[in-house]
Each structure stands twice: as C-alpha cells, then as structure tokens.
C-alpha cells in the first residue's frame, strides 16, 4: 500500500492531507452530533409536567437539567413566556437558527473535500500523462515499458482521489441524515411547546 502511494507521485500528498483533514472533521461532527442527541420525548414529558405543576419557571429548571437542541429552543421560548405568543415563537425561531448553525458546523468543509479530492486526483492524472509523453520524447520510443510509469502514476492519483471523495461523501450523507432528523424533531417539539403554553394559560 505504501509502495502504491509513493508510486502515485507528488499529488498523492495533498490528497492524503485532504483525507486526514476530512477524517478529523468527521470525528468532530460525530462527537458533536452524538452529544446533541437526547431523549426529546422524555424531556417533553418532564417539561409538560413542570408547566402544569409550576408554570414556566419550573419548566426552565427542567431545561437547565437537559442538554441538546430541543431543550435549548424550549428554554428560549420559556424565557419569553408571559410576553405573548409572538415573542415566544420569535425566540424559538431565533434559537432554532442558532442550533441549525451549530448542527451544520463544518459540513461545508466536508462538501469542499468531496469536490476537491477527485479534482486533485485528475490533476495528478494529467501530471502523470505529461510525464509519460516526456519519457516518450526523451527515449524516442513509444514502447509500453517507457510509458507504463506515467500511466500508472496517472491511474493511482485518480483512484486515490475518488476513494477519498467516496469515504467523506458517505460520512457527510450520514451526518446530513442525522441533522435532518434533529431539525424535524426540533420543529415538532417547538409546536408542542407553544401548544403547551397556550393550554396552560
């Protein structure tokens, strides 16, 4: 494997850096999204009991005891409880935007790596073909032995770039699916909260 990497030529190194950077971002996103996942149904059940028993102040205490985007948007809404439904909904909307930004952090960099890695591989392909033609010119011979090195280098960089892109793309799709689920959960729970506050009046 190391020999194949070395045979790929100079463009293998920036592609390797893209892979390492992408994997670092994947680890960061995995840890962050894992920490953001919580039992939102259980949380809303506790919140509902708190609102009915002690109003928004007791409900805020429940929010303080939970982590995750759902508890954060509920806390923002409860902070504005008693100031009108419009203020509550606006606070939830603003908090939701902040949570979305947090959930999607570094996803743009993963997209960039997916796009750049194959292009870097194709650039290495062109570089390898140029080397092959230069070898033909220098040897004044078009035999397979002369051009094999350049063609091998060209194919290796393309393959490596595509493999890196596929690995990061799979991880990105997985994270996007998780984020979509969390966003849907936030929307559902924000509606539950507004309904809960209305019924508690």
C-alpha atoms as a PDB file:
ATOM      1  CA  UNK A   1       0.000   0.000   0.000  1.00  0.00           C
ATOM      2  CA  UNK A   2       2.820   2.391   0.902  1.00  0.00           C
ATOM      3  CA  UNK A   3       4.586   1.479  -2.329  1.00  0.00           C
ATOM      4  CA  UNK A   4       1.467   2.273  -4.345  1.00  0.00           C
ATOM      5  CA  UNK A   5       1.164   5.598  -2.548  1.00  0.00           C
ATOM      6  CA  UNK A   6       4.767   6.501  -3.323  1.00  0.00           C
ATOM      7  CA  UNK A   7       4.343   5.400  -6.943  1.00  0.00           C
ATOM      8  CA  UNK A   8       1.428   7.823  -7.286  1.00  0.00           C
ATOM      9  CA  UNK A   9       3.688  10.839  -7.422  1.00  0.00           C
ATOM     10  CA  UNK A  10       3.577  14.261  -5.752  1.00  0.00           C
ATOM     11  CA  UNK A  11      -0.202  14.749  -5.993  1.00  0.00           C
ATOM     12  CA  UNK A  12      -0.790  11.852  -3.608  1.00  0.00           C
ATOM     13  CA  UNK A  13       0.381  14.026  -0.696  1.00  0.00           C
ATOM     14  CA  UNK A  14      -2.215  16.810  -0.976  1.00  0.00           C
ATOM     15  CA  UNK A  15      -4.908  14.146  -1.456  1.00  0.00           C
ATOM     16  CA  UNK A  16      -3.657  12.449   1.727  1.00  0.00           C
ATOM     17  CA  UNK A  17      -3.894  15.781   3.552  1.00  0.00           C
ATOM     18  CA  UNK A  18      -7.482  16.112   2.331  1.00  0.00           C
ATOM     19  CA  UNK A  19      -8.230  12.625   3.683  1.00  0.00           C
ATOM     20  CA  UNK A  20      -6.689  13.357   7.083  1.00  0.00           C
ATOM     21  CA  UNK A  21      -8.451  16.721   7.309  1.00  0.00           C
ATOM     22  CA  UNK A  22     -11.732  15.135   6.279  1.00  0.00           C
ATOM     23  CA  UNK A  23     -11.416  12.362   8.856  1.00  0.00           C
ATOM     24  CA  UNK A  24     -10.656  14.922  11.576  1.00  0.00           C
ATOM     25  CA  UNK A  25     -13.847  16.784  10.645  1.00  0.00           C
ATOM     26  CA  UNK A  26     -15.777  13.502  10.578  1.00  0.00           C
ATOM     27  CA  UNK A  27     -14.650  12.693  14.132  1.00  0.00           C
ATOM     28  CA  UNK A  28     -15.565  16.220  15.287  1.00  0.00           C
ATOM     29  CA  UNK A  29     -19.024  16.045  13.686  1.00  0.00           C
ATOM     30  CA  UNK A  30     -19.674  12.546  15.025  1.00  0.00           C
ATOM     31  CA  UNK A  31     -18.840  13.553  18.596  1.00  0.00           C
ATOM     32  CA  UNK A  32     -20.773  16.812  18.369  1.00  0.00           C
ATOM     33  CA  UNK A  33     -23.906  15.286  16.857  1.00  0.00           C
ATOM     34  CA  UNK A  34     -23.793  12.354  19.284  1.00  0.00           C
ATOM     35  CA  UNK A  35     -23.760  14.802  22.193  1.00  0.00           C
ATOM     36  CA  UNK A  36     -26.671  16.722  20.647  1.00  0.00           C
ATOM     37  CA  UNK A  37     -28.896  13.654  20.508  1.00  0.00           C
ATOM     38  CA  UNK A  38     -31.152  13.258  23.518  1.00  0.00           C
ATOM     39  CA  UNK A  39     -34.409  11.666  24.586  1.00  0.00           C
ATOM     40  CA  UNK A  40     -36.598  14.553  23.420  1.00  0.00           C
ATOM     41  CA  UNK A  41     -39.837  12.648  24.071  1.00  0.00           C
ATOM     42  CA  UNK A  42     -38.886  12.030  27.687  1.00  0.00           C
ATOM     43  CA  UNK A  43     -37.760  15.636  28.010  1.00  0.00           C
ATOM     44  CA  UNK A  44     -41.071  16.975  26.680  1.00  0.00           C
ATOM     45  CA  UNK A  45     -42.954  14.718  29.085  1.00  0.00           C
ATOM     46  CA  UNK A  46     -40.984  16.171  32.013  1.00  0.00           C
ATOM     47  CA  UNK A  47     -41.487  19.668  30.622  1.00  0.00           C
ATOM     48  CA  UNK A  48     -45.237  19.200  30.308  1.00  0.00           C
ATOM     49  CA  UNK A  49     -45.494  18.051  33.925  1.00  0.00           C
ATOM     50  CA  UNK A  50     -43.396  21.018  35.066  1.00  0.00           C
ATOM     51  CA  UNK A  51     -45.509  23.569  33.164  1.00  0.00           C
ATOM     52  CA  UNK A  52     -48.719  22.139  34.596  1.00  0.00           C
ATOM     53  CA  UNK A  53     -47.299  21.954  38.113  1.00  0.00           C
ATOM     54  CA  UNK A  54     -45.337  25.182  38.411  1.00  0.00           C
ATOM     55  CA  UNK A  55     -45.527  27.173  35.207  1.00  0.00           C
ATOM     56  CA  UNK A  56     -42.649  28.446  33.093  1.00  0.00           C
ATOM     57  CA  UNK A  57     -40.182  28.876  35.987  1.00  0.00           C
ATOM     58  CA  UNK A  58     -40.334  25.214  36.936  1.00  0.00           C
ATOM     59  CA  UNK A  59     -40.169  24.290  33.249  1.00  0.00           C
ATOM     60  CA  UNK A  60     -36.999  26.373  32.863  1.00  0.00           C
ATOM     61  CA  UNK A  61     -35.417  24.325  35.649  1.00  0.00           C
ATOM     62  CA  UNK A  62     -36.189  21.184  33.636  1.00  0.00           C
ATOM     63  CA  UNK A  63     -34.485  22.734  30.590  1.00  0.00           C
ATOM     64  CA  UNK A  64     -31.390  23.532  32.655  1.00  0.00           C
ATOM     65  CA  UNK A  65     -31.113  19.860  33.544  1.00  0.00           C
ATOM     66  CA  UNK A  66     -31.082  18.678  29.927  1.00  0.00           C
ATOM     67  CA  UNK A  67     -28.685  19.129  27.016  1.00  0.00           C
ATOM     68  CA  UNK A  68     -29.446  19.213  23.322  1.00  0.00           C
ATOM     69  CA  UNK A  69     -31.063  21.432  20.694  1.00  0.00           C
ATOM     70  CA  UNK A  70     -34.649  20.675  21.784  1.00  0.00           C
ATOM     71  CA  UNK A  71     -34.031  21.767  25.379  1.00  0.00           C
ATOM     72  CA  UNK A  72     -32.218  24.889  24.134  1.00  0.00           C
ATOM     73  CA  UNK A  73     -35.076  26.067  21.924  1.00  0.00           C
ATOM     74  CA  UNK A  74     -37.605  25.288  24.648  1.00  0.00           C
ATOM     75  CA  UNK A  75     -35.557  27.309  27.127  1.00  0.00           C
ATOM     76  CA  UNK A  76     -35.527  30.253  24.707  1.00  0.00           C
ATOM     77  CA  UNK A  77     -39.300  30.047  24.314  1.00  0.00           C
ATOM     78  CA  UNK A  78     -39.937  29.715  28.049  1.00  0.00           C
ATOM     79  CA  UNK A  79     -37.773  32.780  28.727  1.00  0.00           C
ATOM     80  CA  UNK A  80     -40.374  34.783  26.800  1.00  0.00           C
ATOM     81  CA  UNK A  81     -43.415  33.075  28.313  1.00  0.00           C
ATOM     82  CA  UNK A  82     -45.921  35.646  29.527  1.00  0.00           C
ATOM     83  CA  UNK A  83     -44.794  38.192  26.933  1.00  0.00           C
ATOM     84  CA  UNK A  84     -47.118  36.998  24.210  1.00  0.00           C
ATOM     85  CA  UNK A  85     -47.226  34.109  21.752  1.00  0.00           C
ATOM     86  CA  UNK A  86     -45.439  36.143  19.078  1.00  0.00           C
ATOM     87  CA  UNK A  87     -42.450  36.756  21.346  1.00  0.00           C
ATOM     88  CA  UNK A  88     -42.314  33.086  22.281  1.00  0.00           C
ATOM     89  CA  UNK A  89     -42.433  31.947  18.652  1.00  0.00           C
ATOM     90  CA  UNK A  90     -39.785  34.501  17.638  1.00  0.00           C
ATOM     91  CA  UNK A  91     -37.482  33.357  20.441  1.00  0.00           C
ATOM     92  CA  UNK A  92     -37.928  29.719  19.407  1.00  0.00           C
ATOM     93  CA  UNK A  93     -37.232  30.618  15.779  1.00  0.00           C
ATOM     94  CA  UNK A  94     -34.032  32.501  16.661  1.00  0.00           C
ATOM     95  CA  UNK A  95     -32.835  29.700  18.929  1.00  0.00           C
ATOM     96  CA  UNK A  96     -33.610  27.177  16.197  1.00  0.00           C
ATOM     97  CA  UNK A  97     -31.453  29.127  13.743  1.00  0.00           C
ATOM     98  CA  UNK A  98     -28.546  29.065  16.185  1.00  0.00           C
ATOM     99  CA  UNK A  99     -28.963  25.341  16.759  1.00  0.00           C
ATOM    100  CA  UNK A 100     -29.063  24.733  12.999  1.00  0.00           C
ATOM    101  CA  UNK A 101     -25.795  26.628  12.576  1.00  0.00           C
ATOM    102  CA  UNK A 102     -24.238  24.506  15.310  1.00  0.00           C
ATOM    103  CA  UNK A 103     -25.508  21.236  13.814  1.00  0.00           C
ATOM    104  CA  UNK A 104     -24.252  22.152  10.328  1.00  0.00           C
ATOM    105  CA  UNK A 105     -20.856  23.376  11.529  1.00  0.00           C
ATOM    106  CA  UNK A 106     -18.008  22.143   9.268  1.00  0.00           C
ATOM    107  CA  UNK A 107     -20.417  20.395   6.876  1.00  0.00           C
ATOM    108  CA  UNK A 108     -19.365  22.873   4.194  1.00  0.00           C
ATOM    109  CA  UNK A 109     -15.742  21.782   4.574  1.00  0.00           C
ATOM    110  CA  UNK A 110     -16.753  18.154   4.054  1.00  0.00           C
ATOM    111  CA  UNK A 111     -18.544  19.199   0.859  1.00  0.00           C
ATOM    112  CA  UNK A 112     -15.402  21.001  -0.298  1.00  0.00           C
ATOM    113  CA  UNK A 113     -13.218  17.935   0.322  1.00  0.00           C
ATOM    114  CA  UNK A 114     -15.645  15.730  -1.628  1.00  0.00           C
ATOM    115  CA  UNK A 115     -15.316  18.123  -4.579  1.00  0.00           C
ATOM    116  CA  UNK A 116     -11.584  18.840  -4.374  1.00  0.00           C
ATOM    117  CA  UNK A 117     -10.216  15.301  -3.845  1.00  0.00           C
ATOM    118  CA  UNK A 118     -11.294  13.949  -7.279  1.00  0.00           C
ATOM    119  CA  UNK A 119     -10.116  17.141  -8.987  1.00  0.00           C
ATOM    120  CA  UNK A 120      -6.755  16.785  -7.303  1.00  0.00           C
ATOM    121  CA  UNK A 121      -6.660  13.180  -8.494  1.00  0.00           C
ATOM    122  CA  UNK A 122      -7.487  14.198 -12.062  1.00  0.00           C
ATOM    123  CA  UNK A 123      -4.766  16.854 -11.895  1.00  0.00           C
ATOM    124  CA  UNK A 124      -2.356  14.113 -10.867  1.00  0.00           C
ATOM    125  CA  UNK A 125      -3.583  12.122 -13.868  1.00  0.00           C
ATOM    126  CA  UNK A 126      -2.715  14.977 -16.206  1.00  0.00           C
ATOM    127  CA  UNK A 127       0.642  15.335 -14.478  1.00  0.00           C
ATOM    128  CA  UNK A 128       1.345  11.634 -14.949  1.00  0.00           C
ATOM    129  CA  UNK A 129       0.391  11.726 -18.634  1.00  0.00           C
ATOM    130  CA  UNK A 130       2.673  14.707 -19.182  1.00  0.00           C
ATOM    131  CA  UNK A 131       5.462  12.685 -17.596  1.00  0.00           C
ATOM    132  CA  UNK A 132       4.645   9.745 -19.869  1.00  0.00           C
ATOM    133  CA  UNK A 133       4.861  11.884 -23.005  1.00  0.00           C
ATOM    134  CA  UNK A 134       8.103  13.447 -21.804  1.00  0.00           C
ATOM    135  CA  UNK A 135       9.511   9.941 -21.293  1.00  0.00           C
ATOM    136  CA  UNK A 136       8.486   9.008 -24.839  1.00  0.00           C
ATOM    137  CA  UNK A 137      10.165  12.135 -26.188  1.00  0.00           C
ATOM    138  CA  UNK A 138      13.360  11.562 -24.211  1.00  0.00           C
ATOM    139  CA  UNK A 139      13.641   7.890 -25.192  1.00  0.00           C
ATOM    140  CA  UNK A 140      12.361   8.424 -28.726  1.00  0.00           C
ATOM    141  CA  UNK A 141      10.454   5.195 -28.161  1.00  0.00           C
ATOM    142  CA  UNK A 142       6.733   4.513 -27.674  1.00  0.00           C
ATOM    143  CA  UNK A 143       7.111   1.046 -26.166  1.00  0.00           C
ATOM    144  CA  UNK A 144       4.880   0.078 -23.197  1.00  0.00           C
ATOM    145  CA  UNK A 145       7.856  -0.041 -20.845  1.00  0.00           C
ATOM    146  CA  UNK A 146       8.562   3.633 -21.446  1.00  0.00           C
ATOM    147  CA  UNK A 147       5.027   4.929 -20.822  1.00  0.00           C
ATOM    148  CA  UNK A 148       3.994   2.477 -18.079  1.00  0.00           C
ATOM    149  CA  UNK A 149       5.354   4.590 -15.226  1.00  0.00           C
ATOM    150  CA  UNK A 150       3.465   7.726 -16.224  1.00  0.00           C
ATOM    151  CA  UNK A 151       0.208   5.872 -16.855  1.00  0.00           C
ATOM    152  CA  UNK A 152       0.482   4.031 -13.521  1.00  0.00           C
ATOM    153  CA  UNK A 153       1.013   7.322 -11.704  1.00  0.00           C
ATOM    154  CA  UNK A 154      -1.972   8.818 -13.517  1.00  0.00           C
ATOM    155  CA  UNK A 155      -4.296   5.964 -12.551  1.00  0.00           C
ATOM    156  CA  UNK A 156      -3.143   5.858  -8.924  1.00  0.00           C
ATOM    157  CA  UNK A 157      -3.814   9.536  -8.252  1.00  0.00           C
ATOM    158  CA  UNK A 158      -7.263   9.327  -9.845  1.00  0.00           C
ATOM    159  CA  UNK A 159      -8.137   6.224  -7.836  1.00  0.00           C
ATOM    160  CA  UNK A 160      -6.908   7.724  -4.562  1.00  0.00           C
ATOM    161  CA  UNK A 161      -8.801  10.967  -5.130  1.00  0.00           C
ATOM    162  CA  UNK A 162     -12.025   9.097  -5.866  1.00  0.00           C
ATOM    163  CA  UNK A 163     -11.648   6.807  -2.833  1.00  0.00           C
ATOM    164  CA  UNK A 164     -11.115   9.807  -0.536  1.00  0.00           C
ATOM    165  CA  UNK A 165     -14.175  11.545  -2.000  1.00  0.00           C
ATOM    166  CA  UNK A 166     -16.329   8.437  -1.536  1.00  0.00           C
ATOM    167  CA  UNK A 167     -15.281   7.959   2.100  1.00  0.00           C
ATOM    168  CA  UNK A 168     -16.039  11.565   3.024  1.00  0.00           C
ATOM    169  CA  UNK A 169     -19.272  11.580   0.977  1.00  0.00           C
ATOM    170  CA  UNK A 170     -20.616   8.556   2.851  1.00  0.00           C
ATOM    171  CA  UNK A 171     -19.864  10.223   6.186  1.00  0.00           C
ATOM    172  CA  UNK A 172     -21.390  13.501   5.026  1.00  0.00           C
ATOM    173  CA  UNK A 173     -24.599  11.797   3.913  1.00  0.00           C
ATOM    174  CA  UNK A 174     -24.839  10.036   7.271  1.00  0.00           C
ATOM    175  CA  UNK A 175     -24.444  13.329   9.135  1.00  0.00           C
ATOM    176  CA  UNK A 176     -26.942  15.093   6.862  1.00  0.00           C
ATOM    177  CA  UNK A 177     -29.489  12.385   7.623  1.00  0.00           C
ATOM    178  CA  UNK A 178     -28.895  12.822  11.362  1.00  0.00           C
ATOM    179  CA  UNK A 179     -29.205  16.598  11.116  1.00  0.00           C
ATOM    180  CA  UNK A 180     -32.450  16.353   9.131  1.00  0.00           C
ATOM    181  CA  UNK A 181     -33.893  14.137  11.849  1.00  0.00           C
ATOM    182  CA  UNK A 182     -32.848  16.561  14.583  1.00  0.00           C
ATOM    183  CA  UNK A 183     -34.299  19.544  12.723  1.00  0.00           C
ATOM    184  CA  UNK A 184     -37.612  17.738  12.276  1.00  0.00           C
ATOM    185  CA  UNK A 185     -37.588  16.855  15.969  1.00  0.00           C
ATOM    186  CA  UNK A 186     -36.931  20.494  16.910  1.00  0.00           C
ATOM    187  CA  UNK A 187     -39.834  21.655  14.757  1.00  0.00           C
ATOM    188  CA  UNK A 188     -42.206  19.102  16.273  1.00  0.00           C
ATOM    189  CA  UNK A 189     -41.169  19.893  19.833  1.00  0.00           C
ATOM    190  CA  UNK A 190     -41.397  23.658  19.300  1.00  0.00           C
ATOM    191  CA  UNK A 191     -45.012  23.210  18.191  1.00  0.00           C
ATOM    192  CA  UNK A 192     -45.659  21.040  21.250  1.00  0.00           C
ATOM    193  CA  UNK A 193     -44.195  23.748  23.487  1.00  0.00           C
ATOM    194  CA  UNK A 194     -46.317  26.561  22.043  1.00  0.00           C
ATOM    195  CA  UNK A 195     -49.433  24.400  22.353  1.00  0.00           C
ATOM    196  CA  UNK A 196     -48.458  23.521  25.917  1.00  0.00           C
ATOM    197  CA  UNK A 197     -48.025  27.179  26.895  1.00  0.00           C
ATOM    198  CA  UNK A 198     -51.344  28.122  25.329  1.00  0.00           C
ATOM    199  CA  UNK A 199     -53.184  25.357  27.186  1.00  0.00           C
ATOM    200  CA  UNK A 200     -51.509  26.317  30.476  1.00  0.00           C
ATOM    201  CA  UNK A 201     -52.947  29.848  30.411  1.00  0.00           C
END
